[in-house]
Protein backbone atom coordinates (compact mmCIF):
# COMPACT_ATOMS: atom_id res chain seq x y z
CA MET A 1 94.81 101.51 92.84
CA HIS A 2 94.41 100.59 96.50
CA PRO A 3 90.71 99.73 96.98
CA LYS A 4 90.19 102.42 99.65
CA LEU A 5 91.83 105.20 97.65
CA SER A 6 90.07 107.37 95.11
CA PRO A 7 91.83 108.56 91.93
CA THR A 8 89.75 111.75 92.08
CA ASN A 9 90.86 112.68 95.60
CA LYS A 10 93.99 114.89 95.61
CA ALA A 11 95.27 113.61 98.98
CA ASP A 12 94.84 109.99 97.81
CA ARG A 13 96.71 110.72 94.57
CA GLU A 14 99.56 112.35 96.51
CA TYR A 15 99.69 109.34 98.86
CA VAL A 16 99.98 106.94 95.92
CA GLU A 17 102.58 109.21 94.27
CA ARG A 18 104.70 109.03 97.46
CA ILE A 19 104.44 105.23 97.45
CA THR A 20 105.27 105.13 93.75
CA ARG A 21 108.38 107.32 94.18
CA VAL A 22 109.75 104.96 96.82
CA ALA A 23 108.88 101.86 94.79
CA ARG A 24 110.55 103.28 91.69
CA VAL A 25 113.75 104.05 93.60
CA VAL A 26 113.85 100.43 94.82
CA CYS A 27 113.12 99.16 91.28
CA ASP A 28 115.88 101.36 89.83
CA TYR A 29 118.30 100.03 92.46
CA GLN A 30 117.37 96.44 91.57
CA GLU A 31 117.80 97.12 87.86
CA ALA A 32 121.13 98.94 88.28
CA ARG A 33 122.53 96.17 90.47
CA VAL A 34 121.02 93.40 88.26
CA LEU A 35 119.66 91.71 91.37
CA SER A 36 117.77 88.47 90.85
CA GLY A 37 115.87 86.69 93.59
CA ALA A 38 116.49 89.56 96.02
CA CYS A 39 112.93 89.83 97.31
CA HIS A 40 113.81 89.81 101.03
CA GLU A 41 116.44 92.52 100.65
CA LEU A 42 114.39 94.72 98.31
CA SER A 43 111.24 94.43 100.39
CA ALA A 44 113.08 95.21 103.62
CA ILE A 45 114.76 98.27 102.14
CA GLY A 46 111.51 99.41 100.52
CA TYR A 47 109.63 98.94 103.78
CA VAL A 48 112.04 101.19 105.69
CA LEU A 49 111.93 103.84 102.95
CA LEU A 50 108.12 103.80 102.87
CA ARG A 51 107.87 104.14 106.64
CA GLU A 52 110.45 106.93 106.64
CA SER A 53 108.40 108.63 103.89
CA GLY A 54 105.36 108.70 106.18
CA ILE A 55 103.59 105.62 104.80
CA ASP A 56 102.71 104.18 108.20
CA GLU A 57 100.43 101.48 106.75
CA ALA A 58 103.39 99.72 105.08
CA GLU A 59 103.76 96.13 106.27
CA LEU A 60 106.68 93.82 105.52
CA CYS A 61 105.31 90.44 104.44
CA ILE A 62 106.61 86.96 103.67
CA GLY A 63 104.87 83.83 102.46
CA VAL A 64 104.32 81.65 99.45
CA ALA A 65 103.31 83.42 96.26
CA HIS A 66 101.97 81.97 93.02
CA SER A 67 102.76 83.33 89.56
CA PRO A 68 101.09 82.11 86.37
CA HIS A 69 104.09 83.42 84.42
CA VAL A 70 106.24 80.40 83.58
CA PRO A 71 108.22 79.58 80.45
CA SER A 72 106.32 77.45 77.94
CA PHE A 73 108.74 74.55 78.38
CA ILE A 74 107.57 74.10 82.00
CA PRO A 75 104.37 72.04 81.84
CA VAL A 76 102.55 73.64 84.79
CA ASP A 77 99.91 76.30 85.29
CA GLY A 78 102.17 78.50 87.34
CA ILE A 79 104.79 78.31 90.00
CA ALA A 80 104.65 78.74 93.78
CA PHE A 81 107.66 80.18 95.56
CA ASP A 82 108.78 81.74 98.84
CA HIS A 83 108.58 85.48 98.58
CA SER A 84 108.80 88.78 100.45
CA TRP A 85 106.79 91.85 99.53
CA ILE A 86 105.24 94.91 101.13
CA GLU A 87 101.54 95.51 101.65
CA ILE A 88 99.68 98.73 102.16
CA GLY A 89 96.10 98.12 103.16
CA GLY A 90 96.31 94.64 101.63
CA ALA A 91 97.62 95.90 98.27
CA PRO A 92 101.04 94.46 97.35
CA ILE A 93 104.15 96.39 96.43
CA ASP A 94 106.63 94.06 94.77
CA ALA A 95 109.80 95.21 93.00
CA ALA A 96 111.40 91.75 93.03
CA CYS A 97 108.86 90.15 90.67
CA ALA A 98 110.74 91.93 87.88
CA ALA A 99 113.76 89.65 88.43
CA PRO A 100 112.52 86.37 89.91
CA LEU A 101 114.77 83.58 91.09
CA PRO A 102 112.40 80.66 90.36
CA PRO A 103 112.07 79.70 86.71
CA SER A 104 109.27 82.13 85.98
CA ILE A 105 108.97 84.92 83.48
CA PRO A 106 109.76 88.35 84.93
CA VAL A 107 106.86 90.76 85.03
CA ALA A 108 106.72 94.49 85.65
CA PRO A 109 106.99 95.54 89.29
CA VAL A 110 103.75 95.81 91.25
CA ILE A 111 102.76 99.02 93.02
CA VAL A 112 99.55 99.01 95.11
CA GLY A 113 98.42 95.85 93.33
CA MET A 114 98.98 97.10 89.76
CA HIS A 115 101.79 96.39 87.30
CA VAL A 116 103.68 99.58 86.54
CA ASP A 117 104.00 98.89 82.81
CA ASP A 118 100.32 99.00 81.95
CA GLY A 119 98.32 99.48 85.16
CA ARG A 120 96.67 96.06 85.04
CA PRO A 121 96.01 94.25 88.32
CA THR A 122 98.72 91.76 89.14
CA GLU A 123 98.12 88.08 88.40
CA ILE A 124 100.54 87.10 91.15
CA THR A 125 98.73 85.74 94.18
CA TYR A 126 100.41 86.54 97.49
CA GLY A 127 100.16 84.42 100.64
CA VAL A 128 98.70 81.31 98.98
CA GLY A 129 99.74 78.97 101.79
CA GLY A 130 102.27 76.22 101.99
CA ALA A 131 105.41 75.88 104.03
CA LEU A 132 108.33 78.23 103.57
CA ASP A 133 111.59 76.61 102.53
CA GLU A 134 114.64 76.74 104.82
CA ASP A 135 115.78 80.19 103.66
CA GLY A 136 112.28 81.68 103.85
CA ALA A 137 111.73 80.25 107.33
CA ARG A 138 115.07 81.68 108.47
CA VAL A 139 114.20 85.14 107.15
CA ALA A 140 110.73 84.96 108.74
CA SER A 141 112.37 84.27 112.11
CA LEU A 142 114.64 87.33 112.01
CA THR A 143 114.21 90.95 112.95
CA LEU A 144 115.07 93.46 110.28
CA ALA A 145 118.25 94.36 112.19
CA ALA A 146 119.35 90.72 112.39
CA TYR A 147 118.65 90.23 108.68
CA PHE A 148 120.52 93.40 107.66
CA ASP A 149 123.42 92.66 110.02
CA ALA A 150 123.86 89.11 108.67
CA PHE A 151 123.81 90.34 105.08
CA ASP A 152 127.29 90.26 103.63
CA ARG A 153 128.41 90.96 100.09
CA GLU A 154 132.13 91.51 100.24
CA GLY A 155 133.04 95.01 99.09
CA GLU A 156 129.37 96.03 98.84
CA PRO A 157 127.46 98.48 101.01
CA THR A 158 125.42 97.00 103.84
CA PRO A 159 121.61 97.11 103.52
CA TRP A 160 121.65 99.91 106.11
CA GLU A 161 124.04 101.92 103.93
CA THR A 162 121.99 101.16 100.82
CA THR A 163 118.78 102.26 102.58
CA ILE A 164 120.40 105.54 103.66
CA ALA A 165 121.76 106.19 100.14
CA LEU A 166 118.42 105.44 98.48
CA GLY A 167 116.67 107.56 101.09
CA ALA A 168 118.87 110.49 100.12
CA THR A 169 117.60 110.23 96.53
CA LEU A 170 114.11 110.63 97.98
CA GLY A 171 115.13 113.69 100.00
CA LEU A 172 115.21 111.74 103.28
CA THR A 173 117.97 112.47 105.78
CA LEU A 174 118.64 109.13 107.45
CA ASP A 175 121.43 107.82 109.61
CA ALA A 176 122.19 104.21 110.50
CA ALA A 177 121.68 104.48 114.28
CA THR A 178 118.31 106.23 114.11
CA THR A 179 117.04 104.10 111.25
CA ARG A 180 118.09 100.96 113.11
CA SER A 181 116.38 102.08 116.33
CA ARG A 182 113.14 102.88 114.48
CA HIS A 183 112.92 99.74 112.35
CA GLY A 184 115.42 97.18 113.65
CA GLU A 185 112.89 95.20 115.69
CA THR A 186 110.45 94.90 112.77
CA ARG A 187 109.64 91.33 111.75
CA TRP A 188 108.12 89.97 108.58
CA THR A 189 104.40 89.20 108.82
CA LEU A 190 103.68 85.68 107.58
CA ARG A 191 100.88 85.75 105.01
CA ALA A 192 98.81 82.64 104.45
CA PRO A 193 95.18 81.97 103.51
CA LYS A 194 92.68 82.82 106.22
């Protein structure tokens, strides 16, 4: 649980339940679409849904992450990779770690720093430093509107349409113009060691 939240406080539990509902909707979307390596898209959509759900602390982040979960045939103690995730008070929310693009072993999604399968703290380290690759640097330079607008999967809904549809499953009434005006100028926050 987020270090500033208490499991015995009803308001804190409800806050975490709201976060968890949004994160699960994003995870279900990823699983249904069999998306792999879609961290920027999933984090951006999740960020908008969290903010629209009243989670004003949500922050869209990008940086280099490190996972100790690598196949045994790779002779290293983990893998570093460009990644996007959401933070709330410094605690990561990461649906995309369940379907990674680098050759690492998928792990359960992370919600407020804990894996959803067993509640253990995540072993993934976020914002470890290092330069972003070309794609990561491009994403880090874009606003959310520019990223969503440039996103093109022929015959597929746009990220704006996906966000609105997923929002409806959460009971949110969103429209593209209002959602764009509220969140379109958002930029990823680059996370690196302090």
